Amino acid sequence: LAPDSVGPAAEAVVEGLANGAVALLENTRFYPQEEQNDPAHAARLAKLADLYVNDAFGAAHRAHASTEGIARLLPSAAGLHMAAELSALERALADPVRPFAAIIGGAKASDKIEVLKRLASLADVLLIGGGMGNTFLHARGVNLQASLLEPDLVETARDVDEIAARAHCRVVLPVDGVVAAEASAGAERRTVPVSEIPPGWRILDVGPRTTAAYGEALQGVKTVLWNGPMGVYELAPFAEGTNRLARLLAESGAFVVVGGGDAVAAVQAAGVADKMGHLSTGGGATLEFVEGKILPGVAVLPDA
């Protein structure tokens, strides 16, 4: 372990390596020049190597000295994991075997607006759950009582619906939910239609009728992209909707790409990780790839 990521101390560790040995550098972000992608700082990093291999897909959307700047100074290549990530995402998005289904969950639609718009134009069916599903239901006039939603994104939700309609993409929203007065593991909970939530209560997970509707929509699909949980997954009583979806996808026979920490954790907890086509380690990088953005850490690599 080197005591620094650049400079004499790091150089001494690297120079003293035996054949086949590995040196771990100190955190590159201890230097502000790292995130500034400072050329001089990238050159200091480049002094430590003859070749550069980037296997950090999760940081590929960041133009930093250790992800983009250094690749301009050394012969560079994508690592095996990076290549696998790109291959899986391109398989799902560039020319998917159809029918192609996209499943998007998570708390806020504002985090994934461009993702939703692009998938609405690409997918044959778009399943939306979690907090962002609430925003779409609210846009359709459903009173969700105290449920998490973003009223200022009602028009955006309607835009996504319009994009989907023009692209002949079917949008599937929750029809029932597991509700409680508060988001706690010990709270009293009920399963009710989304239009019958008691005053002051909120949706914290999708219900079994929603999972059944998702299952019907996924019949016969060949490619699936899933990002984000269907409920407050970190609380066990509200994780079942996400877990049911994981098991459903495992039985689908489709090529399934799973992204986002909670969705990946769900397929692992359900014991079906080996039934998925690919588990992505990228958070922001995966979302930006889905949006169609250029990832600086990928674009700079000649073979990626």
C-alpha atoms as a PDB file:
ATOM      1  CA  LEU A   1       0.000   0.000   0.000  1.00  0.00           C
ATOM      2  CA  ALA A   2       1.519   3.274  -1.130  1.00  0.00           C
ATOM      3  CA  PRO A   3       1.222   6.221   1.283  1.00  0.00           C
ATOM      4  CA  ASP A   4       0.306   8.541  -1.597  1.00  0.00           C
ATOM      5  CA  SER A   5      -1.213   8.322  -5.070  1.00  0.00           C
ATOM      6  CA  VAL A   6       1.431  10.454  -6.815  1.00  0.00           C
ATOM      7  CA  GLY A   7       4.877  11.834  -6.133  1.00  0.00           C
ATOM      8  CA  PRO A   8       8.124  10.367  -4.757  1.00  0.00           C
ATOM      9  CA  ALA A   9       6.506   8.094  -2.146  1.00  0.00           C
ATOM     10  CA  ALA A  10       4.204   6.435  -4.685  1.00  0.00           C
ATOM     11  CA  GLU A  11       6.996   6.230  -7.257  1.00  0.00           C
ATOM     12  CA  ALA A  12       9.293   4.498  -4.762  1.00  0.00           C
ATOM     13  CA  VAL A  13       6.672   1.826  -4.013  1.00  0.00           C
ATOM     14  CA  VAL A  14       6.083   1.174  -7.709  1.00  0.00           C
ATOM     15  CA  GLU A  15       9.797   1.028  -8.517  1.00  0.00           C
ATOM     16  CA  GLY A  16      10.312  -1.521  -5.754  1.00  0.00           C
ATOM     17  CA  LEU A  17       7.651  -3.949  -6.979  1.00  0.00           C
ATOM     18  CA  ALA A  18       8.703  -7.500  -7.790  1.00  0.00           C
ATOM     19  CA  ASN A  19       7.435  -9.141 -10.962  1.00  0.00           C
ATOM     20  CA  GLY A  20       3.768 -10.042 -10.525  1.00  0.00           C
ATOM     21  CA  ALA A  21       3.318  -7.833  -7.463  1.00  0.00           C
ATOM     22  CA  VAL A  22       0.558  -5.245  -7.091  1.00  0.00           C
ATOM     23  CA  ALA A  23       0.683  -1.800  -5.508  1.00  0.00           C
ATOM     24  CA  LEU A  24      -2.447  -0.119  -4.159  1.00  0.00           C
ATOM     25  CA  LEU A  25      -2.270   3.665  -4.339  1.00  0.00           C
ATOM     26  CA  GLU A  26      -3.799   6.019  -1.783  1.00  0.00           C
ATOM     27  CA  ASN A  27      -7.207   7.580  -2.551  1.00  0.00           C
ATOM     28  CA  THR A  28      -6.772   9.727  -5.669  1.00  0.00           C
ATOM     29  CA  ARG A  29      -9.478  12.150  -4.521  1.00  0.00           C
ATOM     30  CA  PHE A  30      -7.319  13.382  -1.684  1.00  0.00           C
ATOM     31  CA  TYR A  31      -6.018  15.748  -4.375  1.00  0.00           C
ATOM     32  CA  PRO A  32      -8.487  18.362  -5.706  1.00  0.00           C
ATOM     33  CA  GLN A  33      -6.681  18.149  -9.050  1.00  0.00           C
ATOM     34  CA  GLU A  34      -8.103  14.623  -9.465  1.00  0.00           C
ATOM     35  CA  GLU A  35     -11.705  15.739  -9.943  1.00  0.00           C
ATOM     36  CA  GLN A  36     -10.533  18.810 -11.872  1.00  0.00           C
ATOM     37  CA  ASN A  37      -8.903  16.467 -14.402  1.00  0.00           C
ATOM     38  CA  ASP A  38      -5.789  18.592 -14.155  1.00  0.00           C
ATOM     39  CA  PRO A  39      -3.345  17.630 -16.967  1.00  0.00           C
ATOM     40  CA  ALA A  40      -0.286  18.067 -14.756  1.00  0.00           C
ATOM     41  CA  HIS A  41      -1.813  15.800 -12.115  1.00  0.00           C
ATOM     42  CA  ALA A  42      -2.691  13.208 -14.762  1.00  0.00           C
ATOM     43  CA  ALA A  43       0.951  13.317 -15.862  1.00  0.00           C
ATOM     44  CA  ARG A  44       2.086  12.600 -12.295  1.00  0.00           C
ATOM     45  CA  LEU A  45      -0.181   9.547 -12.247  1.00  0.00           C
ATOM     46  CA  ALA A  46       1.085   8.455 -15.656  1.00  0.00           C
ATOM     47  CA  LYS A  47       4.674   8.425 -14.342  1.00  0.00           C
ATOM     48  CA  LEU A  48       3.738   5.336 -12.326  1.00  0.00           C
ATOM     49  CA  ALA A  49       2.914   3.090 -15.285  1.00  0.00           C
ATOM     50  CA  ASP A  50       3.693   1.957 -18.810  1.00  0.00           C
ATOM     51  CA  LEU A  51       0.092   1.012 -19.646  1.00  0.00           C
ATOM     52  CA  TYR A  52      -3.328   2.067 -18.346  1.00  0.00           C
ATOM     53  CA  VAL A  53      -6.307  -0.288 -17.980  1.00  0.00           C
ATOM     54  CA  ASN A  54      -9.621   1.142 -16.785  1.00  0.00           C
ATOM     55  CA  ASP A  55     -11.855  -1.471 -15.174  1.00  0.00           C
ATOM     56  CA  ALA A  56     -13.913   0.985 -13.102  1.00  0.00           C
ATOM     57  CA  PHE A  57     -17.170   1.253 -15.025  1.00  0.00           C
ATOM     58  CA  GLY A  58     -18.846   2.830 -12.000  1.00  0.00           C
ATOM     59  CA  ALA A  59     -16.605   5.898 -12.420  1.00  0.00           C
ATOM     60  CA  ALA A  60     -16.652   5.987 -16.226  1.00  0.00           C
ATOM     61  CA  HIS A  61     -19.066   8.936 -16.312  1.00  0.00           C
ATOM     62  CA  ARG A  62     -16.536  11.130 -14.525  1.00  0.00           C
ATOM     63  CA  ALA A  63     -13.823  12.990 -16.435  1.00  0.00           C
ATOM     64  CA  HIS A  64     -11.180  12.798 -13.717  1.00  0.00           C
ATOM     65  CA  ALA A  65      -7.403  12.644 -13.903  1.00  0.00           C
ATOM     66  CA  SER A  66      -7.374   8.930 -13.024  1.00  0.00           C
ATOM     67  CA  THR A  67     -10.222   7.985 -15.388  1.00  0.00           C
ATOM     68  CA  GLU A  68      -9.837  10.263 -18.403  1.00  0.00           C
ATOM     69  CA  GLY A  69      -6.717  12.419 -18.223  1.00  0.00           C
ATOM     70  CA  ILE A  70      -4.267   9.566 -17.704  1.00  0.00           C
ATOM     71  CA  ALA A  71      -5.702   7.626 -20.646  1.00  0.00           C
ATOM     72  CA  ARG A  72      -4.567  10.427 -22.947  1.00  0.00           C
ATOM     73  CA  LEU A  73      -0.978   9.948 -21.822  1.00  0.00           C
ATOM     74  CA  LEU A  74      -0.496   6.161 -21.844  1.00  0.00           C
ATOM     75  CA  PRO A  75      -1.416   3.246 -24.118  1.00  0.00           C
ATOM     76  CA  SER A  76      -4.864   2.439 -22.733  1.00  0.00           C
ATOM     77  CA  ALA A  77      -7.518  -0.261 -22.788  1.00  0.00           C
ATOM     78  CA  ALA A  78     -10.773  -1.274 -21.150  1.00  0.00           C
ATOM     79  CA  GLY A  79     -10.530  -3.996 -18.512  1.00  0.00           C
ATOM     80  CA  LEU A  80     -12.538  -7.207 -18.684  1.00  0.00           C
ATOM     81  CA  HIS A  81     -15.206  -5.951 -16.288  1.00  0.00           C
ATOM     82  CA  MET A  82     -15.551  -2.648 -18.144  1.00  0.00           C
ATOM     83  CA  ALA A  83     -15.896  -4.543 -21.425  1.00  0.00           C
ATOM     84  CA  ALA A  84     -18.551  -6.836 -19.921  1.00  0.00           C
ATOM     85  CA  GLU A  85     -20.559  -3.860 -18.636  1.00  0.00           C
ATOM     86  CA  LEU A  86     -20.498  -2.127 -22.006  1.00  0.00           C
ATOM     87  CA  SER A  87     -21.344  -5.313 -23.875  1.00  0.00           C
ATOM     88  CA  ALA A  88     -24.362  -6.057 -21.667  1.00  0.00           C
ATOM     89  CA  LEU A  89     -25.742  -2.525 -21.799  1.00  0.00           C
ATOM     90  CA  GLU A  90     -25.252  -2.286 -25.545  1.00  0.00           C
ATOM     91  CA  ARG A  91     -26.978  -5.641 -25.970  1.00  0.00           C
ATOM     92  CA  ALA A  92     -29.957  -4.328 -24.006  1.00  0.00           C
ATOM     93  CA  LEU A  93     -30.149  -0.879 -25.585  1.00  0.00           C
ATOM     94  CA  ALA A  94     -28.487  -0.704 -28.994  1.00  0.00           C
ATOM     95  CA  ASP A  95     -30.241  -3.604 -30.687  1.00  0.00           C
ATOM     96  CA  PRO A  96     -32.280  -5.547 -28.118  1.00  0.00           C
ATOM     97  CA  VAL A  97     -33.967  -8.810 -28.962  1.00  0.00           C
ATOM     98  CA  ARG A  98     -37.639  -7.885 -28.739  1.00  0.00           C
ATOM     99  CA  PRO A  99     -39.987  -7.627 -27.010  1.00  0.00           C
ATOM    100  CA  PHE A 100     -37.864  -5.328 -24.838  1.00  0.00           C
ATOM    101  CA  ALA A 101     -39.085  -4.359 -21.353  1.00  0.00           C
ATOM    102  CA  ALA A 102     -37.693  -1.627 -19.118  1.00  0.00           C
ATOM    103  CA  ILE A 103     -38.416  -1.542 -15.382  1.00  0.00           C
ATOM    104  CA  ILE A 104     -37.649   1.641 -13.467  1.00  0.00           C
ATOM    105  CA  GLY A 105     -38.088   2.151  -9.733  1.00  0.00           C
ATOM    106  CA  GLY A 106     -36.565   4.226  -6.995  1.00  0.00           C
ATOM    107  CA  ALA A 107     -37.716   7.156  -4.938  1.00  0.00           C
ATOM    108  CA  LYS A 108     -37.616  10.125  -7.286  1.00  0.00           C
ATOM    109  CA  ALA A 109     -38.541  10.599 -10.925  1.00  0.00           C
ATOM    110  CA  SER A 110     -36.351  13.720 -10.936  1.00  0.00           C
ATOM    111  CA  ASP A 111     -33.273  11.477 -10.702  1.00  0.00           C
ATOM    112  CA  LYS A 112     -34.189   9.572 -13.864  1.00  0.00           C
ATOM    113  CA  ILE A 113     -36.183  11.915 -16.116  1.00  0.00           C
ATOM    114  CA  GLU A 114     -33.984  11.501 -19.181  1.00  0.00           C
ATOM    115  CA  VAL A 115     -33.719   7.754 -18.539  1.00  0.00           C
ATOM    116  CA  LEU A 116     -37.517   7.485 -18.520  1.00  0.00           C
ATOM    117  CA  LYS A 117     -37.862   9.535 -21.697  1.00  0.00           C
ATOM    118  CA  ARG A 118     -35.301   7.483 -23.590  1.00  0.00           C
ATOM    119  CA  LEU A 119     -36.686   4.150 -22.455  1.00  0.00           C
ATOM    120  CA  ALA A 120     -40.220   5.249 -23.317  1.00  0.00           C
ATOM    121  CA  SER A 121     -38.991   5.732 -26.877  1.00  0.00           C
ATOM    122  CA  LEU A 122     -37.038   2.443 -27.008  1.00  0.00           C
ATOM    123  CA  ALA A 123     -38.930  -0.179 -25.029  1.00  0.00           C
ATOM    124  CA  ASP A 124     -42.000  -2.177 -25.959  1.00  0.00           C
ATOM    125  CA  VAL A 125     -43.225  -2.040 -22.366  1.00  0.00           C
ATOM    126  CA  LEU A 126     -42.198   0.286 -19.516  1.00  0.00           C
ATOM    127  CA  LEU A 127     -42.934  -0.739 -15.926  1.00  0.00           C
ATOM    128  CA  ILE A 128     -42.678   2.067 -13.366  1.00  0.00           C
ATOM    129  CA  GLY A 129     -42.766   1.569  -9.594  1.00  0.00           C
ATOM    130  CA  GLY A 130     -41.411   2.969  -6.373  1.00  0.00           C
ATOM    131  CA  GLY A 131     -41.769   6.642  -5.539  1.00  0.00           C
ATOM    132  CA  MET A 132     -41.567   7.639  -9.182  1.00  0.00           C
ATOM    133  CA  GLY A 133     -44.551   5.410  -9.901  1.00  0.00           C
ATOM    134  CA  ASN A 134     -46.453   7.570  -7.415  1.00  0.00           C
ATOM    135  CA  THR A 135     -45.664  10.688  -9.433  1.00  0.00           C
ATOM    136  CA  PHE A 136     -47.044   9.058 -12.579  1.00  0.00           C
ATOM    137  CA  LEU A 137     -50.200   7.949 -10.751  1.00  0.00           C
ATOM    138  CA  HIS A 138     -50.620  11.470  -9.373  1.00  0.00           C
ATOM    139  CA  ALA A 139     -50.318  12.826 -12.920  1.00  0.00           C
ATOM    140  CA  ARG A 140     -53.229  10.555 -13.860  1.00  0.00           C
ATOM    141  CA  GLY A 141     -55.380  11.980 -11.083  1.00  0.00           C
ATOM    142  CA  VAL A 142     -55.000   9.301  -8.395  1.00  0.00           C
ATOM    143  CA  ASN A 143     -55.135  10.608  -4.804  1.00  0.00           C
ATOM    144  CA  LEU A 144     -52.209   8.927  -3.066  1.00  0.00           C
ATOM    145  CA  GLN A 145     -52.713  10.643   0.287  1.00  0.00           C
ATOM    146  CA  ALA A 146     -49.332  11.073   2.064  1.00  0.00           C
ATOM    147  CA  SER A 147     -47.298   9.034  -0.431  1.00  0.00           C
ATOM    148  CA  LEU A 148     -43.931  10.308  -1.638  1.00  0.00           C
ATOM    149  CA  LEU A 149     -44.319  12.031  -5.001  1.00  0.00           C
ATOM    150  CA  GLU A 150     -43.095  15.074  -6.934  1.00  0.00           C
ATOM    151  CA  PRO A 151     -46.012  17.349  -7.894  1.00  0.00           C
ATOM    152  CA  ASP A 152     -43.742  19.622  -9.935  1.00  0.00           C
ATOM    153  CA  LEU A 153     -43.018  16.717 -12.290  1.00  0.00           C
ATOM    154  CA  VAL A 154     -46.624  16.063 -13.288  1.00  0.00           C
ATOM    155  CA  GLU A 155     -46.095  17.584 -16.739  1.00  0.00           C
ATOM    156  CA  THR A 156     -42.868  15.623 -17.147  1.00  0.00           C
ATOM    157  CA  ALA A 157     -44.725  12.411 -16.325  1.00  0.00           C
ATOM    158  CA  ARG A 158     -47.307  13.294 -18.950  1.00  0.00           C
ATOM    159  CA  ASP A 159     -44.500  13.973 -21.432  1.00  0.00           C
ATOM    160  CA  VAL A 160     -43.142  10.471 -20.810  1.00  0.00           C
ATOM    161  CA  ASP A 161     -46.627   9.044 -21.349  1.00  0.00           C
ATOM    162  CA  GLU A 162     -46.872  10.926 -24.654  1.00  0.00           C
ATOM    163  CA  ILE A 163     -43.440   9.725 -25.797  1.00  0.00           C
ATOM    164  CA  ALA A 164     -44.459   6.165 -24.952  1.00  0.00           C
ATOM    165  CA  ALA A 165     -47.744   6.498 -26.825  1.00  0.00           C
ATOM    166  CA  ARG A 166     -45.986   7.775 -29.955  1.00  0.00           C
ATOM    167  CA  ALA A 167     -43.482   4.901 -29.751  1.00  0.00           C
ATOM    168  CA  HIS A 168     -46.221   2.316 -29.072  1.00  0.00           C
ATOM    169  CA  CYS A 169     -44.648   1.544 -25.702  1.00  0.00           C
ATOM    170  CA  ARG A 170     -47.066   0.249 -23.073  1.00  0.00           C
ATOM    171  CA  VAL A 171     -46.669   1.928 -19.669  1.00  0.00           C
ATOM    172  CA  VAL A 172     -47.625  -0.186 -16.635  1.00  0.00           C
ATOM    173  CA  LEU A 173     -48.123   1.517 -13.258  1.00  0.00           C
ATOM    174  CA  PRO A 174     -48.928   0.078  -9.811  1.00  0.00           C
ATOM    175  CA  VAL A 175     -52.565  -0.842  -9.182  1.00  0.00           C
ATOM    176  CA  ASP A 176     -52.206  -1.692  -5.492  1.00  0.00           C
ATOM    177  CA  GLY A 177     -49.712  -1.033  -2.745  1.00  0.00           C
ATOM    178  CA  VAL A 178     -48.579  -1.951   0.731  1.00  0.00           C
ATOM    179  CA  VAL A 179     -49.370   1.147   2.795  1.00  0.00           C
ATOM    180  CA  ALA A 180     -48.604   2.409   6.284  1.00  0.00           C
ATOM    181  CA  ALA A 181     -48.833   5.636   8.234  1.00  0.00           C
ATOM    182  CA  GLU A 182     -45.054   5.774   8.571  1.00  0.00           C
ATOM    183  CA  ALA A 183     -41.991   4.203   6.999  1.00  0.00           C
ATOM    184  CA  SER A 184     -40.915   1.937   9.834  1.00  0.00           C
ATOM    185  CA  ALA A 185     -40.532  -1.818  10.093  1.00  0.00           C
ATOM    186  CA  GLY A 186     -43.006  -2.036  12.976  1.00  0.00           C
ATOM    187  CA  ALA A 187     -45.752   0.098  11.443  1.00  0.00           C
ATOM    188  CA  GLU A 188     -49.235  -1.297  10.885  1.00  0.00           C
ATOM    189  CA  ARG A 189     -49.598  -2.040   7.194  1.00  0.00           C
ATOM    190  CA  ARG A 190     -52.335  -2.915   4.751  1.00  0.00           C
ATOM    191  CA  THR A 191     -52.537  -3.841   1.083  1.00  0.00           C
ATOM    192  CA  VAL A 192     -55.059  -1.685  -0.774  1.00  0.00           C
ATOM    193  CA  PRO A 193     -55.816  -0.432  -4.310  1.00  0.00           C
ATOM    194  CA  VAL A 194     -53.860   2.739  -5.093  1.00  0.00           C
ATOM    195  CA  SER A 195     -57.127   4.710  -5.162  1.00  0.00           C
ATOM    196  CA  GLU A 196     -58.146   3.578  -1.654  1.00  0.00           C
ATOM    197  CA  ILE A 197     -55.236   4.634   0.564  1.00  0.00           C
ATOM    198  CA  PRO A 198     -56.421   5.767   4.025  1.00  0.00           C
ATOM    199  CA  PRO A 199     -55.906   9.490   4.775  1.00  0.00           C
ATOM    200  CA  GLY A 200     -52.422  10.142   6.139  1.00  0.00           C
ATOM    201  CA  TRP A 201     -51.071   6.795   4.905  1.00  0.00           C
ATOM    202  CA  ARG A 202     -48.534   6.260   2.148  1.00  0.00           C
ATOM    203  CA  ILE A 203     -47.487   3.625  -0.374  1.00  0.00           C
ATOM    204  CA  LEU A 204     -44.264   1.929   0.710  1.00  0.00           C
ATOM    205  CA  ASP A 205     -44.244  -1.062  -1.642  1.00  0.00           C
ATOM    206  CA  VAL A 206     -46.135  -2.425  -4.621  1.00  0.00           C
ATOM    207  CA  GLY A 207     -48.788  -5.017  -3.869  1.00  0.00           C
ATOM    208  CA  PRO A 208     -49.398  -8.522  -5.256  1.00  0.00           C
ATOM    209  CA  ARG A 209     -51.892  -7.340  -7.889  1.00  0.00           C
ATOM    210  CA  THR A 210     -49.222  -5.001  -9.234  1.00  0.00           C
ATOM    211  CA  THR A 211     -46.690  -7.820  -9.366  1.00  0.00           C
ATOM    212  CA  ALA A 212     -49.260  -9.907 -11.241  1.00  0.00           C
ATOM    213  CA  ALA A 213     -49.785  -7.045 -13.701  1.00  0.00           C
ATOM    214  CA  TYR A 214     -46.024  -6.774 -14.157  1.00  0.00           C
ATOM    215  CA  GLY A 215     -45.861 -10.517 -14.754  1.00  0.00           C
ATOM    216  CA  GLU A 216     -48.556 -10.295 -17.416  1.00  0.00           C
ATOM    217  CA  ALA A 217     -46.752  -7.403 -19.124  1.00  0.00           C
ATOM    218  CA  LEU A 218     -43.485  -9.353 -19.098  1.00  0.00           C
ATOM    219  CA  GLN A 219     -44.943 -12.437 -20.766  1.00  0.00           C
ATOM    220  CA  GLY A 220     -42.753 -13.390 -23.696  1.00  0.00           C
ATOM    221  CA  VAL A 221     -40.218 -10.572 -23.349  1.00  0.00           C
ATOM    222  CA  LYS A 222     -36.700 -11.367 -24.537  1.00  0.00           C
ATOM    223  CA  THR A 223     -34.693  -8.457 -23.111  1.00  0.00           C
ATOM    224  CA  VAL A 224     -35.155  -6.593 -19.803  1.00  0.00           C
ATOM    225  CA  LEU A 225     -33.393  -3.601 -18.255  1.00  0.00           C
ATOM    226  CA  TRP A 226     -34.187  -3.115 -14.550  1.00  0.00           C
ATOM    227  CA  ASN A 227     -33.032  -0.190 -12.415  1.00  0.00           C
ATOM    228  CA  GLY A 228     -34.310   0.659  -8.950  1.00  0.00           C
ATOM    229  CA  PRO A 229     -36.489  -0.981  -6.266  1.00  0.00           C
ATOM    230  CA  MET A 230     -40.282  -1.075  -6.168  1.00  0.00           C
ATOM    231  CA  GLY A 231     -40.577   0.099  -2.568  1.00  0.00           C
ATOM    232  CA  VAL A 232     -38.718   1.041   0.599  1.00  0.00           C
ATOM    233  CA  TYR A 233     -36.497  -1.966   0.101  1.00  0.00           C
ATOM    234  CA  GLU A 234     -34.256  -1.331   3.097  1.00  0.00           C
ATOM    235  CA  LEU A 235     -37.206  -2.132   5.419  1.00  0.00           C
ATOM    236  CA  ALA A 236     -38.021  -5.853   5.278  1.00  0.00           C
ATOM    237  CA  PRO A 237     -41.844  -5.487   5.395  1.00  0.00           C
ATOM    238  CA  PHE A 238     -41.695  -3.332   2.264  1.00  0.00           C
ATOM    239  CA  ALA A 239     -39.142  -5.336   0.289  1.00  0.00           C
ATOM    240  CA  GLU A 240     -41.414  -8.117  -0.899  1.00  0.00           C
ATOM    241  CA  GLY A 241     -42.565  -6.344  -4.080  1.00  0.00           C
ATOM    242  CA  THR A 242     -38.968  -5.947  -5.214  1.00  0.00           C
ATOM    243  CA  ASN A 243     -38.167  -9.533  -4.240  1.00  0.00           C
ATOM    244  CA  ARG A 244     -41.216 -10.865  -6.111  1.00  0.00           C
ATOM    245  CA  LEU A 245     -40.114  -8.960  -9.191  1.00  0.00           C
ATOM    246  CA  ALA A 246     -36.621 -10.472  -8.923  1.00  0.00           C
ATOM    247  CA  ARG A 247     -38.073 -13.976  -8.817  1.00  0.00           C
ATOM    248  CA  LEU A 248     -40.408 -13.162 -11.706  1.00  0.00           C
ATOM    249  CA  LEU A 249     -37.522 -12.038 -13.882  1.00  0.00           C
ATOM    250  CA  ALA A 250     -35.477 -15.103 -12.934  1.00  0.00           C
ATOM    251  CA  GLU A 251     -38.237 -17.292 -14.340  1.00  0.00           C
ATOM    252  CA  SER A 252     -38.800 -15.199 -17.478  1.00  0.00           C
ATOM    253  CA  GLY A 253     -36.052 -16.700 -19.623  1.00  0.00           C
ATOM    254  CA  ALA A 254     -35.186 -13.194 -20.838  1.00  0.00           C
ATOM    255  CA  PHE A 255     -31.749 -11.577 -20.956  1.00  0.00           C
ATOM    256  CA  VAL A 256     -31.987  -9.351 -17.871  1.00  0.00           C
ATOM    257  CA  VAL A 257     -29.615  -6.484 -17.067  1.00  0.00           C
ATOM    258  CA  VAL A 258     -29.964  -5.292 -13.464  1.00  0.00           C
ATOM    259  CA  GLY A 259     -28.590  -1.931 -12.341  1.00  0.00           C
ATOM    260  CA  GLY A 260     -28.729   0.032  -9.099  1.00  0.00           C
ATOM    261  CA  GLY A 261     -27.597  -1.182  -5.691  1.00  0.00           C
ATOM    262  CA  ASP A 262     -31.047  -2.062  -4.337  1.00  0.00           C
ATOM    263  CA  ALA A 263     -32.141  -4.017  -7.406  1.00  0.00           C
ATOM    264  CA  VAL A 264     -28.847  -5.911  -7.484  1.00  0.00           C
ATOM    265  CA  ALA A 265     -29.164  -6.617  -3.741  1.00  0.00           C
ATOM    266  CA  ALA A 266     -32.701  -7.904  -4.320  1.00  0.00           C
ATOM    267  CA  VAL A 267     -31.685 -10.487  -6.908  1.00  0.00           C
ATOM    268  CA  GLN A 268     -28.823 -11.574  -4.671  1.00  0.00           C
ATOM    269  CA  ALA A 269     -31.080 -11.844  -1.605  1.00  0.00           C
ATOM    270  CA  ALA A 270     -33.632 -13.811  -3.612  1.00  0.00           C
ATOM    271  CA  GLY A 271     -30.896 -16.248  -4.645  1.00  0.00           C
ATOM    272  CA  VAL A 272     -31.482 -15.652  -8.345  1.00  0.00           C
ATOM    273  CA  ALA A 273     -28.400 -13.619  -9.290  1.00  0.00           C
ATOM    274  CA  ASP A 274     -27.160 -16.483 -11.460  1.00  0.00           C
ATOM    275  CA  LYS A 275     -30.388 -16.306 -13.497  1.00  0.00           C
ATOM    276  CA  MET A 276     -29.726 -12.713 -14.579  1.00  0.00           C
ATOM    277  CA  GLY A 277     -27.845 -11.839 -17.739  1.00  0.00           C
ATOM    278  CA  HIS A 278     -25.760  -9.119 -16.089  1.00  0.00           C
ATOM    279  CA  LEU A 279     -25.538  -7.319 -12.740  1.00  0.00           C
ATOM    280  CA  SER A 280     -24.231  -3.813 -13.344  1.00  0.00           C
ATOM    281  CA  THR A 281     -21.919  -2.142 -10.841  1.00  0.00           C
ATOM    282  CA  GLY A 282     -22.582   1.276 -12.313  1.00  0.00           C
ATOM    283  CA  GLY A 283     -24.867   3.748 -10.555  1.00  0.00           C
ATOM    284  CA  GLY A 284     -24.602   7.112 -12.267  1.00  0.00           C
ATOM    285  CA  ALA A 285     -22.548   5.596 -15.077  1.00  0.00           C
ATOM    286  CA  THR A 286     -25.304   3.130 -15.943  1.00  0.00           C
ATOM    287  CA  LEU A 287     -27.983   5.821 -15.885  1.00  0.00           C
ATOM    288  CA  GLU A 288     -25.955   8.146 -18.104  1.00  0.00           C
ATOM    289  CA  PHE A 289     -25.284   5.303 -20.541  1.00  0.00           C
ATOM    290  CA  VAL A 290     -29.022   4.588 -20.688  1.00  0.00           C
ATOM    291  CA  GLU A 291     -29.687   8.286 -21.296  1.00  0.00           C
ATOM    292  CA  GLY A 292     -27.412   8.071 -24.317  1.00  0.00           C
ATOM    293  CA  LYS A 293     -24.698  10.295 -22.883  1.00  0.00           C
ATOM    294  CA  ILE A 294     -21.037   9.858 -23.750  1.00  0.00           C
ATOM    295  CA  LEU A 295     -19.046   8.482 -20.815  1.00  0.00           C
ATOM    296  CA  PRO A 296     -15.669  10.288 -20.698  1.00  0.00           C
ATOM    297  CA  GLY A 297     -13.873   7.335 -19.139  1.00  0.00           C
ATOM    298  CA  VAL A 298     -15.047   5.122 -22.008  1.00  0.00           C
ATOM    299  CA  ALA A 299     -14.775   7.539 -24.916  1.00  0.00           C
ATOM    300  CA  VAL A 300     -11.059   8.059 -24.279  1.00  0.00           C
ATOM    301  CA  LEU A 301     -10.286   4.330 -24.570  1.00  0.00           C
ATOM    302  CA  PRO A 302      -9.391   3.261 -28.121  1.00  0.00           C
ATOM    303  CA  ASP A 303     -10.945  -0.211 -27.911  1.00  0.00           C
ATOM    304  CA  ALA A 304     -14.089   0.506 -25.878  1.00  0.00           C
END
